[in-house]
N, C-alpha and C. Protein backbone atom coordinates (compact mmCIF):
# COMPACT_ATOMS: atom_id res chain seq x y z
N MET A 1 17.58 -1.31 -8.22
CA MET A 1 16.28 -1.90 -7.98
C MET A 1 15.28 -0.78 -7.73
N ALA A 2 14.28 -0.66 -8.57
CA ALA A 2 13.23 0.34 -8.40
C ALA A 2 12.11 -0.25 -7.55
N VAL A 3 11.79 0.43 -6.47
CA VAL A 3 10.77 -0.06 -5.54
C VAL A 3 9.53 0.79 -5.66
N ARG A 4 8.37 0.13 -5.65
CA ARG A 4 7.08 0.81 -5.69
C ARG A 4 6.29 0.42 -4.46
N LEU A 5 5.49 1.35 -3.97
CA LEU A 5 4.52 1.05 -2.93
C LEU A 5 3.19 0.91 -3.64
N ARG A 6 2.59 -0.27 -3.57
CA ARG A 6 1.34 -0.50 -4.28
C ARG A 6 0.48 -1.50 -3.53
N LEU A 7 -0.71 -1.76 -4.08
CA LEU A 7 -1.65 -2.67 -3.45
C LEU A 7 -1.46 -4.08 -3.99
N GLN A 8 -1.62 -5.04 -3.09
CA GLN A 8 -1.57 -6.46 -3.47
C GLN A 8 -2.93 -7.04 -3.10
N ARG A 9 -3.63 -7.59 -4.08
CA ARG A 9 -4.99 -8.08 -3.84
C ARG A 9 -4.96 -9.46 -3.20
N ILE A 10 -5.72 -9.58 -2.12
CA ILE A 10 -5.96 -10.87 -1.49
C ILE A 10 -7.46 -10.93 -1.20
N GLY A 11 -7.95 -12.03 -0.74
CA GLY A 11 -9.37 -12.14 -0.44
C GLY A 11 -10.08 -13.03 -1.44
N LYS A 12 -11.38 -13.13 -1.25
CA LYS A 12 -12.20 -14.00 -2.09
C LYS A 12 -12.70 -13.25 -3.32
N PRO A 13 -13.21 -14.00 -4.31
CA PRO A 13 -13.81 -13.33 -5.46
C PRO A 13 -15.00 -12.46 -5.03
N LYS A 14 -15.09 -11.29 -5.60
CA LYS A 14 -16.13 -10.30 -5.29
C LYS A 14 -16.08 -9.81 -3.84
N ARG A 15 -14.99 -10.07 -3.15
CA ARG A 15 -14.79 -9.59 -1.77
C ARG A 15 -13.31 -9.22 -1.63
N PRO A 16 -12.90 -8.11 -2.29
CA PRO A 16 -11.48 -7.76 -2.30
C PRO A 16 -10.98 -7.28 -0.95
N PHE A 17 -9.74 -7.54 -0.70
CA PHE A 17 -9.03 -7.08 0.48
C PHE A 17 -7.60 -6.87 0.01
N TYR A 18 -7.00 -5.76 0.37
CA TYR A 18 -5.69 -5.41 -0.17
C TYR A 18 -4.65 -5.25 0.92
N ARG A 19 -3.42 -5.55 0.57
CA ARG A 19 -2.26 -5.23 1.40
C ARG A 19 -1.51 -4.09 0.73
N VAL A 20 -1.00 -3.17 1.53
CA VAL A 20 -0.10 -2.14 1.02
C VAL A 20 1.30 -2.71 1.17
N VAL A 21 2.03 -2.86 0.06
CA VAL A 21 3.32 -3.53 0.08
C VAL A 21 4.38 -2.71 -0.63
N ALA A 22 5.62 -2.95 -0.26
CA ALA A 22 6.78 -2.46 -0.99
C ALA A 22 7.25 -3.62 -1.85
N VAL A 23 7.35 -3.38 -3.16
CA VAL A 23 7.64 -4.46 -4.09
C VAL A 23 8.51 -3.92 -5.22
N GLU A 24 9.31 -4.79 -5.81
CA GLU A 24 10.10 -4.37 -6.97
C GLU A 24 9.16 -4.01 -8.11
N GLN A 25 9.49 -2.97 -8.83
CA GLN A 25 8.59 -2.39 -9.83
C GLN A 25 8.17 -3.38 -10.90
N LYS A 26 9.04 -4.26 -11.33
CA LYS A 26 8.73 -5.16 -12.44
C LYS A 26 8.07 -6.46 -12.01
N SER A 27 7.82 -6.66 -10.73
CA SER A 27 7.20 -7.90 -10.29
C SER A 27 5.70 -7.87 -10.54
N LYS A 28 5.08 -9.03 -10.49
CA LYS A 28 3.65 -9.17 -10.73
C LYS A 28 2.85 -8.50 -9.61
N ARG A 29 1.57 -8.25 -9.88
CA ARG A 29 0.71 -7.59 -8.90
C ARG A 29 0.67 -8.38 -7.59
N ASP A 30 0.54 -9.68 -7.68
CA ASP A 30 0.45 -10.51 -6.49
C ASP A 30 1.73 -11.27 -6.24
N GLY A 31 2.86 -10.74 -6.70
CA GLY A 31 4.16 -11.38 -6.50
C GLY A 31 4.65 -11.22 -5.07
N GLN A 32 5.82 -11.75 -4.82
CA GLN A 32 6.42 -11.71 -3.49
C GLN A 32 6.83 -10.28 -3.13
N PRO A 33 6.27 -9.72 -2.04
CA PRO A 33 6.65 -8.35 -1.66
C PRO A 33 7.96 -8.33 -0.88
N ILE A 34 8.61 -7.16 -0.89
CA ILE A 34 9.79 -6.96 -0.06
C ILE A 34 9.35 -6.81 1.39
N GLU A 35 8.28 -6.02 1.60
CA GLU A 35 7.78 -5.78 2.96
C GLU A 35 6.29 -5.46 2.88
N ILE A 36 5.53 -5.97 3.85
CA ILE A 36 4.10 -5.65 3.97
C ILE A 36 3.99 -4.43 4.89
N LEU A 37 3.36 -3.36 4.39
CA LEU A 37 3.30 -2.11 5.13
C LEU A 37 1.95 -1.85 5.78
N GLY A 38 0.92 -2.53 5.34
CA GLY A 38 -0.40 -2.31 5.92
C GLY A 38 -1.46 -3.07 5.16
N GLN A 39 -2.72 -2.74 5.47
CA GLN A 39 -3.83 -3.40 4.81
C GLN A 39 -4.97 -2.41 4.60
N TYR A 40 -5.80 -2.70 3.60
CA TYR A 40 -6.90 -1.82 3.22
C TYR A 40 -8.10 -2.67 2.84
N ASP A 41 -9.25 -2.37 3.46
CA ASP A 41 -10.50 -3.08 3.18
C ASP A 41 -11.50 -2.10 2.59
N PRO A 42 -11.67 -2.08 1.25
CA PRO A 42 -12.58 -1.11 0.63
C PRO A 42 -14.06 -1.42 0.84
N ILE A 43 -14.38 -2.65 1.22
CA ILE A 43 -15.77 -3.05 1.39
C ILE A 43 -16.31 -2.65 2.76
N ALA A 44 -15.45 -2.51 3.75
CA ALA A 44 -15.88 -2.14 5.09
C ALA A 44 -16.60 -0.80 5.07
N ILE A 45 -17.48 -0.59 6.01
CA ILE A 45 -18.29 0.62 6.06
C ILE A 45 -17.42 1.88 6.10
N ASP A 46 -16.36 1.85 6.88
CA ASP A 46 -15.51 3.03 7.02
C ASP A 46 -14.22 2.91 6.19
N ASN A 47 -14.19 2.00 5.20
CA ASN A 47 -12.99 1.77 4.38
C ASN A 47 -11.76 1.62 5.26
N LYS A 48 -11.76 0.61 6.07
CA LYS A 48 -10.72 0.40 7.07
C LYS A 48 -9.32 0.37 6.44
N LEU A 49 -8.44 1.19 6.99
CA LEU A 49 -7.08 1.32 6.51
C LEU A 49 -6.12 1.30 7.68
N ASN A 50 -5.19 0.36 7.67
CA ASN A 50 -4.13 0.28 8.69
C ASN A 50 -2.80 0.30 7.97
N VAL A 51 -1.99 1.34 8.23
CA VAL A 51 -0.71 1.48 7.55
C VAL A 51 0.35 1.86 8.58
N ASN A 52 1.51 1.23 8.48
CA ASN A 52 2.66 1.58 9.32
C ASN A 52 3.36 2.77 8.68
N MET A 53 3.03 3.97 9.12
CA MET A 53 3.53 5.19 8.48
C MET A 53 5.04 5.36 8.64
N ASP A 54 5.62 4.82 9.70
CA ASP A 54 7.08 4.91 9.85
C ASP A 54 7.78 4.20 8.71
N ARG A 55 7.31 3.00 8.37
CA ARG A 55 7.92 2.24 7.29
C ARG A 55 7.60 2.84 5.92
N VAL A 56 6.40 3.40 5.76
CA VAL A 56 6.05 4.06 4.50
C VAL A 56 6.98 5.25 4.28
N ASN A 57 7.17 6.05 5.32
CA ASN A 57 8.07 7.20 5.20
C ASN A 57 9.50 6.77 4.92
N TYR A 58 9.93 5.64 5.51
CA TYR A 58 11.27 5.12 5.24
C TYR A 58 11.42 4.79 3.76
N TRP A 59 10.45 4.04 3.20
CA TRP A 59 10.55 3.65 1.81
C TRP A 59 10.49 4.85 0.87
N LEU A 60 9.65 5.82 1.19
CA LEU A 60 9.58 7.02 0.36
C LEU A 60 10.87 7.82 0.43
N SER A 61 11.53 7.82 1.60
CA SER A 61 12.80 8.55 1.73
C SER A 61 13.95 7.86 1.01
N THR A 62 13.84 6.55 0.79
CA THR A 62 14.89 5.83 0.08
C THR A 62 14.69 5.86 -1.44
N GLY A 63 13.64 6.52 -1.90
CA GLY A 63 13.45 6.67 -3.34
C GLY A 63 12.33 5.85 -3.92
N ALA A 64 11.59 5.12 -3.09
CA ALA A 64 10.46 4.36 -3.61
C ALA A 64 9.35 5.31 -4.03
N LYS A 65 8.59 4.92 -5.04
CA LYS A 65 7.48 5.73 -5.51
C LYS A 65 6.18 5.00 -5.20
N ALA A 66 5.18 5.74 -4.77
CA ALA A 66 3.88 5.16 -4.47
C ALA A 66 3.00 5.21 -5.72
N SER A 67 2.17 4.19 -5.88
CA SER A 67 1.20 4.22 -6.97
C SER A 67 0.17 5.31 -6.67
N GLU A 68 -0.65 5.65 -7.66
CA GLU A 68 -1.65 6.70 -7.46
C GLU A 68 -2.61 6.36 -6.33
N THR A 69 -3.09 5.13 -6.31
CA THR A 69 -4.04 4.71 -5.28
C THR A 69 -3.40 4.73 -3.90
N VAL A 70 -2.20 4.23 -3.79
CA VAL A 70 -1.52 4.19 -2.50
C VAL A 70 -1.22 5.61 -2.01
N SER A 71 -0.86 6.52 -2.91
CA SER A 71 -0.59 7.89 -2.48
C SER A 71 -1.86 8.54 -1.92
N VAL A 72 -3.02 8.25 -2.51
CA VAL A 72 -4.28 8.77 -1.98
C VAL A 72 -4.57 8.17 -0.61
N LEU A 73 -4.31 6.87 -0.45
CA LEU A 73 -4.54 6.22 0.84
C LEU A 73 -3.60 6.77 1.91
N ILE A 74 -2.36 7.05 1.54
CA ILE A 74 -1.40 7.61 2.50
C ILE A 74 -1.86 8.99 2.95
N LYS A 75 -2.34 9.80 2.02
CA LYS A 75 -2.85 11.12 2.39
C LYS A 75 -4.06 11.00 3.30
N ARG A 76 -4.90 10.01 3.07
CA ARG A 76 -6.06 9.80 3.93
C ARG A 76 -5.64 9.34 5.33
N ALA A 77 -4.58 8.56 5.41
CA ALA A 77 -4.10 8.07 6.71
C ALA A 77 -3.42 9.17 7.50
N ASN A 78 -2.81 10.15 6.82
CA ASN A 78 -2.11 11.26 7.46
C ASN A 78 -2.70 12.58 7.02
N PRO A 79 -3.87 12.98 7.50
CA PRO A 79 -4.47 14.23 7.04
C PRO A 79 -3.72 15.48 7.50
N GLU A 80 -2.96 15.40 8.60
CA GLU A 80 -2.23 16.57 9.08
C GLU A 80 -0.97 16.86 8.27
N ASP A 81 -0.42 15.87 7.56
CA ASP A 81 0.75 16.08 6.70
C ASP A 81 0.29 16.44 5.30
N LYS A 82 0.44 17.68 4.90
CA LYS A 82 -0.02 18.10 3.58
C LYS A 82 1.12 18.55 2.72
C-alpha cells in the first residue's frame, strides 16, 4: 500500500479549506483518509496551518511520500528542521 500525504479539500465554493491527510495513493482527492494530520486555511490572513508534526514524521518514516504542496507546508511549519 503506497501512502501519500496530501491535501483534502473541504469548505464552501470559492472558500477553500484543506485538511492534511494520509491517504492511499490511488484514492480520490476527497476520498476516505487513513488519518487526518492537520488543517490549512489559505484564505486566512496569516495562512493558518495546524499540523501534528509527530504523526507527519511517523508517516514519512514509514515510507509515505508528501505531495509538493504538503512538503512546502511541512517546511513552513518546521522552519528549524532544514
